[in-house]
Protein backbone atom coordinates (compact mmCIF):
# COMPACT_ATOMS: atom_id res chain seq x y z
CA MET A 1 0.00 -0.07 -0.01
CA MET A 2 2.86 2.30 1.02
CA ASN A 3 4.57 1.88 -2.44
CA TRP A 4 1.19 2.37 -4.20
CA MET A 5 0.76 5.74 -2.34
CA LYS A 6 4.24 6.69 -3.30
CA THR A 7 3.64 6.08 -6.93
CA VAL A 8 0.33 8.18 -7.02
CA VAL A 9 2.01 11.23 -5.33
CA ALA A 10 5.12 11.06 -7.65
CA GLY A 11 2.77 10.83 -10.52
CA LEU A 12 0.90 13.89 -9.47
CA ALA A 13 3.90 15.67 -8.97
CA ALA A 14 5.36 14.86 -12.45
CA LEU A 15 2.03 16.16 -13.95
CA GLY A 16 2.00 19.18 -11.72
CA LEU A 17 -1.42 18.06 -10.28
CA SER A 18 -0.72 18.14 -6.58
CA ALA A 19 -3.54 19.52 -4.48
CA GLY A 20 -1.79 22.80 -3.85
CA ALA A 21 -0.97 23.25 -7.49
CA ALA A 22 -4.52 22.51 -8.56
CA LEU A 23 -5.99 25.05 -6.11
CA ALA A 24 -3.40 27.63 -7.33
CA GLU A 25 -5.17 27.43 -10.81
CA TRP A 26 -8.68 28.61 -9.45
CA PRO A 27 -10.70 29.74 -11.24
CA GLU A 28 -10.74 27.33 -14.04
CA LYS A 29 -14.46 27.92 -15.08
CA PRO A 30 -17.25 30.39 -14.92
CA ILE A 31 -18.35 31.78 -11.43
CA THR A 32 -22.02 32.14 -10.61
CA TYR A 33 -22.90 35.41 -8.65
CA VAL A 34 -26.39 34.84 -7.02
CA VAL A 35 -28.54 37.91 -6.36
CA SER A 36 -31.72 37.45 -4.31
CA PHE A 37 -33.24 40.47 -6.01
CA LYS A 38 -34.90 40.86 -9.31
CA ALA A 39 -32.93 42.37 -12.23
CA GLY A 40 -32.80 46.11 -12.65
CA GLY A 41 -32.81 47.32 -8.96
CA ASN A 42 -29.87 48.99 -7.20
CA ALA A 43 -28.60 45.74 -5.60
CA ASP A 44 -28.57 44.08 -9.16
CA ILE A 45 -26.95 47.08 -10.69
CA VAL A 46 -24.09 47.03 -8.33
CA ALA A 47 -23.89 43.41 -8.38
CA ARG A 48 -23.23 43.46 -12.05
CA MET A 49 -20.64 46.07 -11.75
CA ASN A 50 -18.94 43.79 -9.17
CA ALA A 51 -19.30 41.00 -11.44
CA GLU A 52 -17.49 42.96 -14.31
CA VAL A 53 -14.55 43.62 -11.95
CA LEU A 54 -14.21 40.13 -10.73
CA SER A 55 -14.39 38.75 -14.31
CA LYS A 56 -11.64 41.18 -15.37
CA GLU A 57 -9.36 40.48 -12.40
CA LEU A 58 -9.82 36.69 -12.41
CA GLY A 59 -9.94 36.07 -16.08
CA VAL A 60 -13.16 33.97 -16.17
CA PRO A 61 -16.71 34.82 -16.75
CA VAL A 62 -18.64 35.95 -13.70
CA ASN A 63 -22.39 35.32 -14.51
CA VAL A 64 -25.00 37.16 -12.28
CA VAL A 65 -28.03 35.07 -11.78
CA ASN A 66 -31.14 36.58 -10.19
CA LYS A 67 -33.17 34.54 -7.78
CA PRO A 68 -35.95 36.81 -6.23
CA GLY A 69 -38.79 35.71 -3.90
CA GLY A 70 -39.27 33.27 -1.14
CA ALA A 71 -38.11 35.80 1.42
CA HIS A 72 -34.54 35.51 -0.19
CA ILE A 73 -34.20 32.01 1.26
CA PRO A 74 -34.14 29.95 -2.09
CA ALA A 75 -31.39 32.32 -3.34
CA THR A 76 -29.38 31.97 -0.22
CA MET A 77 -29.82 28.27 -0.13
CA SER A 78 -28.63 27.87 -3.64
CA VAL A 79 -25.25 29.04 -2.42
CA ALA A 80 -25.42 27.19 0.99
CA GLU A 81 -25.98 24.12 -0.88
CA ALA A 82 -23.38 24.46 -3.52
CA PRO A 83 -19.94 23.12 -3.13
CA ALA A 84 -17.49 25.27 -1.00
CA ASP A 85 -15.20 25.81 -3.93
CA GLY A 86 -15.67 29.63 -4.70
CA TYR A 87 -17.52 28.89 -8.06
CA THR A 88 -20.93 29.90 -6.52
CA VAL A 89 -20.98 33.42 -4.57
CA PHE A 90 -23.71 35.21 -3.02
CA ASN A 91 -24.73 38.80 -2.99
CA TRP A 92 -25.80 39.27 0.73
CA SER A 93 -28.01 41.88 1.87
CA PRO A 94 -30.09 42.86 4.94
CA PRO A 95 -32.98 40.73 4.22
CA SER A 96 -31.03 37.64 3.48
CA PHE A 97 -28.45 38.18 6.33
CA MET A 98 -30.38 39.73 8.91
CA ILE A 99 -34.10 40.53 8.89
CA VAL A 100 -35.44 37.26 7.62
CA PRO A 101 -33.07 35.21 9.86
CA LEU A 102 -34.13 37.34 12.79
CA THR A 103 -37.73 37.08 12.42
CA ARG A 104 -38.17 33.43 11.25
CA GLU A 105 -36.59 30.08 11.24
CA THR A 106 -34.36 29.57 8.18
CA PRO A 107 -32.30 26.62 6.98
CA TYR A 108 -29.12 28.65 7.29
CA LYS A 109 -27.20 30.77 9.73
CA PRO A 110 -25.63 33.69 8.11
CA LEU A 111 -22.40 34.04 10.01
CA GLU A 112 -21.95 30.21 10.46
CA ASP A 113 -22.74 29.19 6.93
CA PHE A 114 -21.14 31.94 5.02
CA VAL A 115 -17.95 33.98 4.85
CA PRO A 116 -18.64 37.67 4.07
CA LEU A 117 -15.90 39.41 2.12
CA TYR A 118 -16.83 42.98 1.59
CA ALA A 119 -19.65 45.52 1.69
CA GLY A 120 -20.08 48.18 -0.97
CA ILE A 121 -23.71 49.17 -1.71
CA SER A 122 -24.96 51.20 1.23
CA ALA A 123 -27.73 53.57 2.27
CA SER A 124 -29.24 55.71 5.06
CA ASN A 125 -32.83 56.56 4.94
CA ALA A 126 -34.41 59.96 4.84
CA LEU A 127 -38.00 61.29 5.65
CA TYR A 128 -39.41 63.04 2.36
CA VAL A 129 -42.50 64.99 1.73
CA ARG A 130 -43.88 66.45 -1.53
CA GLY A 131 -42.52 69.66 -2.70
CA ASP A 132 -45.99 71.32 -2.00
CA SER A 133 -46.16 69.94 1.60
CA PRO A 134 -47.10 72.27 4.23
CA TYR A 135 -44.27 70.77 6.32
CA THR A 136 -41.07 72.64 5.38
CA THR A 137 -39.18 71.53 8.46
CA PHE A 138 -38.81 68.49 10.56
CA GLU A 139 -39.99 70.44 13.46
CA GLU A 140 -43.08 71.46 11.66
CA PHE A 141 -43.74 67.75 10.59
CA LEU A 142 -43.49 66.81 14.24
CA GLU A 143 -46.19 69.11 15.12
CA GLY A 144 -48.47 67.95 12.26
CA ALA A 145 -47.98 64.30 12.99
CA LYS A 146 -48.88 64.83 16.60
CA ALA A 147 -52.02 66.60 15.55
CA ASN A 148 -53.05 64.29 12.79
CA LYS A 149 -52.47 60.51 12.05
CA LEU A 150 -50.38 60.82 8.85
CA THR A 151 -49.99 58.01 6.16
CA ILE A 152 -46.31 57.10 5.93
CA GLY A 153 -45.05 55.09 2.92
CA VAL A 154 -42.33 52.44 3.22
CA ASN A 155 -41.27 49.68 0.77
CA ASN A 156 -42.07 46.52 2.67
CA LEU A 157 -43.16 45.78 6.25
CA GLY A 158 -40.08 44.73 8.16
CA ALA A 159 -37.68 46.17 5.76
CA PRO A 160 -35.13 48.82 6.69
CA PRO A 161 -37.20 51.79 5.79
CA ASN A 162 -40.20 50.42 7.86
CA LEU A 163 -37.96 49.95 10.71
CA SER A 164 -36.80 53.39 10.38
CA ALA A 165 -40.45 54.69 10.50
CA VAL A 166 -41.12 52.44 13.50
CA GLN A 167 -37.99 53.78 15.25
CA LEU A 168 -39.06 57.34 14.45
CA ALA A 169 -42.51 56.98 15.75
CA SER A 170 -41.24 55.45 18.96
CA GLU A 171 -38.60 58.21 19.73
CA PHE A 172 -40.90 61.03 19.15
CA GLY A 173 -44.23 59.54 20.31
CA LEU A 174 -46.02 59.53 16.90
CA GLU A 175 -48.51 57.16 15.27
CA PHE A 176 -48.60 56.56 11.57
CA LYS A 177 -50.88 54.73 9.23
CA THR A 178 -48.29 52.70 7.35
CA LEU A 179 -48.72 51.87 3.51
CA ALA A 180 -46.35 49.30 2.08
CA LEU A 181 -45.67 49.96 -1.63
CA LYS A 182 -43.34 47.13 -2.63
CA THR A 183 -40.09 49.04 -3.57
CA VAL A 184 -38.55 52.45 -2.53
CA PRO A 185 -39.10 54.11 -6.10
CA ALA A 186 -42.74 52.89 -5.80
CA THR A 187 -42.88 54.41 -2.39
CA MET A 188 -41.60 57.80 -3.61
CA ALA A 189 -44.07 57.61 -6.50
CA GLY A 190 -46.81 57.04 -3.99
CA LEU A 191 -45.75 60.31 -2.27
CA ILE A 192 -45.74 62.33 -5.35
CA GLY A 193 -48.99 60.74 -6.34
CA GLY A 194 -50.70 61.59 -3.02
CA GLN A 195 -51.06 58.07 -1.66
CA VAL A 196 -49.19 59.03 1.36
CA ASP A 197 -48.38 62.18 3.25
CA VAL A 198 -44.63 61.33 4.01
CA ALA A 199 -42.29 58.69 2.83
CA VAL A 200 -39.05 56.88 3.86
CA GLY A 201 -36.60 56.61 0.93
CA GLN A 202 -32.97 56.21 0.80
CA VAL A 203 -30.84 59.37 0.90
CA ALA A 204 -29.55 59.04 -2.67
CA SER A 205 -33.26 58.78 -3.86
CA ILE A 206 -33.19 62.42 -4.19
CA HIS A 207 -31.23 62.30 -7.46
CA ALA A 208 -34.24 60.60 -9.18
CA TYR A 209 -36.48 63.72 -9.01
CA ASN A 210 -36.56 67.22 -10.29
CA ASP A 211 -35.62 70.02 -7.99
CA GLY A 212 -38.34 70.73 -5.61
CA GLU A 213 -40.63 67.77 -6.63
CA VAL A 214 -39.82 66.13 -3.12
CA ARG A 215 -38.40 67.68 0.13
CA PRO A 216 -36.17 65.90 2.43
CA LEU A 217 -36.92 66.87 5.95
CA ILE A 218 -34.31 64.91 8.00
CA ILE A 219 -31.99 62.08 7.64
CA LEU A 220 -33.11 59.06 9.85
CA ASP A 221 -29.56 58.18 11.27
CA ASN A 222 -27.72 59.02 14.46
CA ALA A 223 -24.48 60.31 13.01
CA ARG A 224 -23.40 62.01 9.64
CA GLN A 225 -21.66 59.86 7.00
CA GLY A 226 -19.44 61.28 4.35
CA TYR A 227 -21.93 60.18 1.44
CA MET A 228 -24.83 62.06 2.99
CA GLU A 229 -23.41 65.39 2.14
CA LYS A 230 -22.98 64.21 -1.43
CA ASP A 231 -26.74 63.32 -1.59
CA LEU A 232 -28.40 65.77 0.86
CA PRO A 233 -26.03 68.70 1.58
CA GLY A 234 -26.97 70.55 4.63
CA VAL A 235 -29.75 68.13 5.80
CA ARG A 236 -29.57 67.33 9.44
CA THR A 237 -29.57 63.78 10.86
CA VAL A 238 -31.98 63.06 13.77
CA GLY A 239 -28.79 62.59 15.90
CA GLU A 240 -27.75 66.13 15.01
CA ALA A 241 -31.07 67.81 15.32
CA PHE A 242 -32.07 66.03 18.56
CA PRO A 243 -29.15 64.64 20.51
CA GLY A 244 -30.17 61.67 22.44
CA LYS A 245 -32.76 60.71 20.08
CA GLU A 246 -32.09 57.24 18.21
CA ALA A 247 -32.69 56.81 14.62
CA GLY A 248 -30.18 54.20 13.60
CA VAL A 249 -30.24 52.51 10.27
CA TRP A 250 -28.43 49.60 8.69
CA VAL A 251 -28.44 49.06 4.89
CA HIS A 252 -25.50 47.39 3.40
CA GLY A 253 -24.70 44.67 1.05
CA GLY A 254 -21.81 42.76 -0.47
CA LEU A 255 -20.35 39.38 -1.45
CA ALA A 256 -19.96 36.25 0.52
CA VAL A 257 -18.94 32.62 0.00
CA LYS A 258 -19.90 29.45 1.52
CA ALA A 259 -18.25 28.52 4.76
CA GLY A 260 -15.41 26.06 4.21
CA THR A 261 -14.11 27.69 0.99
CA PRO A 262 -10.41 27.29 1.00
CA GLN A 263 -8.59 30.32 2.27
CA GLU A 264 -6.62 30.58 -1.01
CA ILE A 265 -9.70 31.12 -2.87
CA ILE A 266 -10.98 33.65 -0.41
CA ASP A 267 -7.75 35.63 -0.66
CA LYS A 268 -7.97 35.51 -4.47
CA LEU A 269 -11.49 36.97 -4.23
CA LEU A 270 -10.53 39.59 -1.79
CA ALA A 271 -7.63 40.58 -3.90
CA ALA A 272 -9.73 40.76 -7.17
CA SER A 273 -12.41 42.96 -5.39
CA LEU A 274 -9.91 45.72 -4.42
CA PRO A 275 -10.71 47.84 -7.53
CA MET A 276 -14.33 48.23 -6.11
CA GLY A 277 -13.03 50.51 -3.50
CA GLU A 278 -11.13 52.82 -5.85
CA GLU A 279 -12.64 56.14 -7.09
CA ALA A 280 -12.60 54.92 -10.67
CA PHE A 281 -15.29 52.38 -9.79
CA ILE A 282 -17.12 54.28 -7.13
CA SER A 283 -17.53 57.29 -9.67
CA ARG A 284 -19.53 54.82 -11.83
CA VAL A 285 -21.91 53.80 -9.37
CA PRO A 286 -25.37 55.47 -10.03
CA LYS A 287 -25.93 58.65 -8.01
CA SER A 288 -29.19 57.01 -6.73
CA VAL A 289 -27.21 54.22 -4.92
CA GLY A 290 -25.21 54.98 -1.81
CA TYR A 291 -21.79 53.42 -1.51
CA ASN A 292 -19.62 52.74 1.57
CA TRP A 293 -16.51 50.42 0.94
CA VAL A 294 -15.86 47.96 3.70
CA HIS A 295 -13.32 45.14 2.91
CA GLY A 296 -12.15 42.05 4.53
CA VAL A 297 -13.62 39.05 6.42
CA ASP A 298 -13.24 40.43 9.84
CA GLU A 299 -14.26 43.95 8.91
CA THR A 300 -17.46 42.86 7.01
CA THR A 301 -18.37 40.27 9.67
CA ALA A 302 -18.19 43.06 12.33
CA LEU A 303 -20.34 45.35 10.24
CA ILE A 304 -23.08 42.56 9.87
CA GLN A 305 -23.03 41.97 13.49
CA SER A 306 -23.60 45.75 14.13
CA GLY A 307 -26.65 45.54 12.07
CA ILE A 308 -27.93 42.44 13.91
CA ASP A 309 -27.35 44.26 17.26
CA LEU A 310 -29.30 47.37 15.96
CA TYR A 311 -32.36 45.59 14.46
CA SER A 312 -32.87 42.94 17.17
CA PRO A 313 -34.46 45.31 19.69
CA ILE A 314 -36.39 46.97 17.19
CA LEU A 315 -37.76 43.75 15.80
CA ASP A 316 -38.36 42.56 19.27
CA GLY A 317 -40.33 45.67 20.20
CA LEU A 318 -42.59 44.81 17.09
CA GLY A 319 -43.08 41.37 18.28
CA LEU A 320 -41.31 40.14 15.17
CA LEU A 321 -38.15 38.71 16.71
CA LYS A 322 -38.17 35.04 16.64
CA ASN A 323 -37.77 33.32 20.04
């Protein structure tokens, strides 16, 4: 038996087919980049930009495959059930890695079954009214919202904009009638069309509208981030306007691989993704998309954990946190 093993090892070495040499050739075939959102949205747009960079850097096609629906679980599981070989990667997001696992039993555990590599797409939420709204300041809005039960538009119940609205109501003693309108663009369209009195949309949403068509009242966040000034210059955050009031939000998305993926492959993906943090790439991201680059397994894991810590008590207060 020993002689047979020596013969096999010698043969592999002669052919350059040792395990280390074979791994060093990765990737040798196309990579599938799974996105749990439908084509055309912000997450899909940035994922396709990411795929272009990875394809160029790695020298193989990186094909985006959209698998929307099913509370993001089918898309997530398609990666969790694939081999841990780096040929199937996942576009993680708040629903797939945070909100859904926090609110229901899922057949996967994000930080156990996956290794997050980076985060790029990002967003803070803002409170918007129509350009002809009687509320010209956030303080005027507070007075009106306390005197009248306003209708607030969000994309989906339990999604980050809805959680921002819930926290806003809790912090300031407000009560809203909530209308879920599927997507952030649909929410903003509902605002302009008069379906809702006020809407929660992403900070960068302002770029999709004509000057004066919608009016931002305040950014629903505790602290100012650099990209906020790019999108909503001069608009205060809740934390700035009312120190001590909480209005945290967590919207990030990026790339992850299945746990167990060899470190050499993870290192190659991390190296290939570095151009996504450079200005040449960031300048091509649509203005309607927020972007905040976080790179590295430990750094991205800590970012995701911060979101779990933020949203867990909010979901618990709503009775949505699973036991």
